[in-house]
Amino acid sequence: MAMNDQEKLEIEAATFRRLLQHLDAHKEVQNIDLMNLASFCRNCLSKWYSAEAKSRGKEVDYETAREIVYGMPYTEWKEKYQLEATAEQLQQFKQ
């Protein structure tokens, strides 16, 4: 099936929104879990978002990007959902 550039862009954007919705629905998945399993986390997505905006001449600072990715200010998300990393999680992360 052929796709034009606009269709591809729309599908990619929808996929990104779906990823954010999925992460939002699974707040129990900690960033360290994501880093240990996939080598990226919500903070990485925020940095990538900010960098891509900048590369296109738009200023989206890191904290604003975090709010987009987390669906709320990061400090609020951290307070509500972030748990202390276990010794096992930290050991895996170091490797």
C-alpha atoms as a PDB file:
ATOM      1  CA  MET A   1       0.000   0.000   0.000  1.00  0.00           C
ATOM      2  CA  ALA A   2       1.481   3.313  -1.070  1.00  0.00           C
ATOM      3  CA  MET A   3       1.510   6.255   1.330  1.00  0.00           C
ATOM      4  CA  ASN A   4       2.282   9.853   0.650  1.00  0.00           C
ATOM      5  CA  ASP A   5       4.485  11.861   3.021  1.00  0.00           C
ATOM      6  CA  GLN A   6       1.535  13.506   4.778  1.00  0.00           C
ATOM      7  CA  GLU A   7      -0.172  10.172   5.431  1.00  0.00           C
ATOM      8  CA  LYS A   8       3.069   8.733   6.789  1.00  0.00           C
ATOM      9  CA  LEU A   9       3.520  11.770   9.044  1.00  0.00           C
ATOM     10  CA  GLU A  10      -0.046  11.462  10.356  1.00  0.00           C
ATOM     11  CA  ILE A  11       0.389   7.754  11.091  1.00  0.00           C
ATOM     12  CA  GLU A  12       3.698   8.376  12.865  1.00  0.00           C
ATOM     13  CA  ALA A  13       2.145  11.186  14.932  1.00  0.00           C
ATOM     14  CA  ALA A  14      -0.826   8.997  15.863  1.00  0.00           C
ATOM     15  CA  THR A  15       1.558   6.188  16.829  1.00  0.00           C
ATOM     16  CA  PHE A  16       3.513   8.561  19.081  1.00  0.00           C
ATOM     17  CA  ARG A  17       0.287   9.737  20.741  1.00  0.00           C
ATOM     18  CA  ARG A  18      -0.697   6.112  21.266  1.00  0.00           C
ATOM     19  CA  LEU A  19       2.689   5.379  22.861  1.00  0.00           C
ATOM     20  CA  LEU A  20       2.179   8.298  25.259  1.00  0.00           C
ATOM     21  CA  GLN A  21      -1.335   7.042  26.078  1.00  0.00           C
ATOM     22  CA  HIS A  22       0.045   3.568  26.708  1.00  0.00           C
ATOM     23  CA  LEU A  23       2.747   4.891  29.030  1.00  0.00           C
ATOM     24  CA  ASP A  24       0.158   7.031  30.801  1.00  0.00           C
ATOM     25  CA  ALA A  25      -2.063   3.998  31.338  1.00  0.00           C
ATOM     26  CA  HIS A  26       0.894   2.089  32.804  1.00  0.00           C
ATOM     27  CA  LYS A  27       2.324   4.461  35.361  1.00  0.00           C
ATOM     28  CA  GLU A  28       3.388   1.440  37.369  1.00  0.00           C
ATOM     29  CA  VAL A  29       6.137   0.945  34.798  1.00  0.00           C
ATOM     30  CA  GLN A  30       8.982   2.963  36.213  1.00  0.00           C
ATOM     31  CA  ASN A  31      11.511   4.806  34.070  1.00  0.00           C
ATOM     32  CA  ILE A  32      14.308   2.600  35.366  1.00  0.00           C
ATOM     33  CA  ASP A  33      12.326  -0.441  34.148  1.00  0.00           C
ATOM     34  CA  LEU A  34      12.067   1.128  30.704  1.00  0.00           C
ATOM     35  CA  MET A  35      15.786   1.972  30.699  1.00  0.00           C
ATOM     36  CA  ASN A  36      16.736  -1.530  31.773  1.00  0.00           C
ATOM     37  CA  LEU A  37      14.516  -3.186  29.170  1.00  0.00           C
ATOM     38  CA  ALA A  38      14.608  -0.801  26.213  1.00  0.00           C
ATOM     39  CA  SER A  39      17.431   1.711  26.861  1.00  0.00           C
ATOM     40  CA  PHE A  40      15.017   4.659  26.826  1.00  0.00           C
ATOM     41  CA  CYS A  41      12.437   6.143  29.159  1.00  0.00           C
ATOM     42  CA  ARG A  42       9.916   8.960  29.426  1.00  0.00           C
ATOM     43  CA  ASN A  43      12.738  11.432  30.061  1.00  0.00           C
ATOM     44  CA  CYS A  44      14.485  10.281  26.881  1.00  0.00           C
ATOM     45  CA  LEU A  45      11.269  10.851  24.922  1.00  0.00           C
ATOM     46  CA  SER A  46      11.099  14.340  26.418  1.00  0.00           C
ATOM     47  CA  LYS A  47      14.679  15.119  25.382  1.00  0.00           C
ATOM     48  CA  TRP A  48      14.037  13.802  21.870  1.00  0.00           C
ATOM     49  CA  TYR A  49      10.853  15.866  21.601  1.00  0.00           C
ATOM     50  CA  SER A  50      12.686  19.029  22.655  1.00  0.00           C
ATOM     51  CA  ALA A  51      15.597  18.337  20.301  1.00  0.00           C
ATOM     52  CA  GLU A  52      13.334  17.643  17.314  1.00  0.00           C
ATOM     53  CA  ALA A  53      11.396  20.850  17.959  1.00  0.00           C
ATOM     54  CA  LYS A  54      14.661  22.804  18.120  1.00  0.00           C
ATOM     55  CA  SER A  55      15.890  21.228  14.880  1.00  0.00           C
ATOM     56  CA  ARG A  56      12.764  22.640  13.247  1.00  0.00           C
ATOM     57  CA  GLY A  57      13.254  26.128  14.660  1.00  0.00           C
ATOM     58  CA  LYS A  58      10.761  25.739  17.518  1.00  0.00           C
ATOM     59  CA  GLU A  59      11.646  26.191  21.157  1.00  0.00           C
ATOM     60  CA  VAL A  60      10.166  23.518  23.391  1.00  0.00           C
ATOM     61  CA  ASP A  61      12.241  23.415  26.551  1.00  0.00           C
ATOM     62  CA  TYR A  62      12.885  20.167  28.384  1.00  0.00           C
ATOM     63  CA  GLU A  63      10.350  20.822  31.155  1.00  0.00           C
ATOM     64  CA  THR A  64       7.606  21.626  28.624  1.00  0.00           C
ATOM     65  CA  ALA A  65       8.471  18.479  26.694  1.00  0.00           C
ATOM     66  CA  ARG A  66       8.327  16.505  29.933  1.00  0.00           C
ATOM     67  CA  GLU A  67       4.840  17.829  30.611  1.00  0.00           C
ATOM     68  CA  ILE A  68       3.779  16.711  27.133  1.00  0.00           C
ATOM     69  CA  VAL A  69       5.214  13.225  27.647  1.00  0.00           C
ATOM     70  CA  TYR A  70       4.121  12.757  31.267  1.00  0.00           C
ATOM     71  CA  GLY A  71       0.727  14.415  30.788  1.00  0.00           C
ATOM     72  CA  MET A  72       1.379  16.633  33.822  1.00  0.00           C
ATOM     73  CA  PRO A  73       4.311  18.521  35.330  1.00  0.00           C
ATOM     74  CA  TYR A  74       7.153  16.105  36.006  1.00  0.00           C
ATOM     75  CA  THR A  75       7.370  17.061  39.671  1.00  0.00           C
ATOM     76  CA  GLU A  76       3.705  16.091  40.100  1.00  0.00           C
ATOM     77  CA  TRP A  77       4.165  12.777  38.263  1.00  0.00           C
ATOM     78  CA  LYS A  78       7.265  11.997  40.306  1.00  0.00           C
ATOM     79  CA  GLU A  79       5.426  12.728  43.562  1.00  0.00           C
ATOM     80  CA  LYS A  80       2.436  10.564  42.632  1.00  0.00           C
ATOM     81  CA  TYR A  81       3.963   7.665  40.742  1.00  0.00           C
ATOM     82  CA  GLN A  82       7.753   7.356  40.995  1.00  0.00           C
ATOM     83  CA  LEU A  83       9.014   4.718  43.386  1.00  0.00           C
ATOM     84  CA  GLU A  84      12.491   4.275  44.797  1.00  0.00           C
ATOM     85  CA  ALA A  85      14.578   2.050  42.562  1.00  0.00           C
ATOM     86  CA  THR A  86      15.348  -1.338  44.021  1.00  0.00           C
ATOM     87  CA  ALA A  87      18.899  -2.584  44.439  1.00  0.00           C
ATOM     88  CA  GLU A  88      18.256  -5.056  41.608  1.00  0.00           C
ATOM     89  CA  GLN A  89      17.008  -2.322  39.271  1.00  0.00           C
ATOM     90  CA  LEU A  90      20.032  -0.148  40.035  1.00  0.00           C
ATOM     91  CA  GLN A  91      22.431  -3.072  39.532  1.00  0.00           C
ATOM     92  CA  GLN A  92      20.871  -3.904  36.155  1.00  0.00           C
ATOM     93  CA  PHE A  93      21.014  -0.231  35.157  1.00  0.00           C
ATOM     94  CA  LYS A  94      24.747  -0.043  35.984  1.00  0.00           C
ATOM     95  CA  GLN A  95      25.407  -2.976  33.660  1.00  0.00           C
END
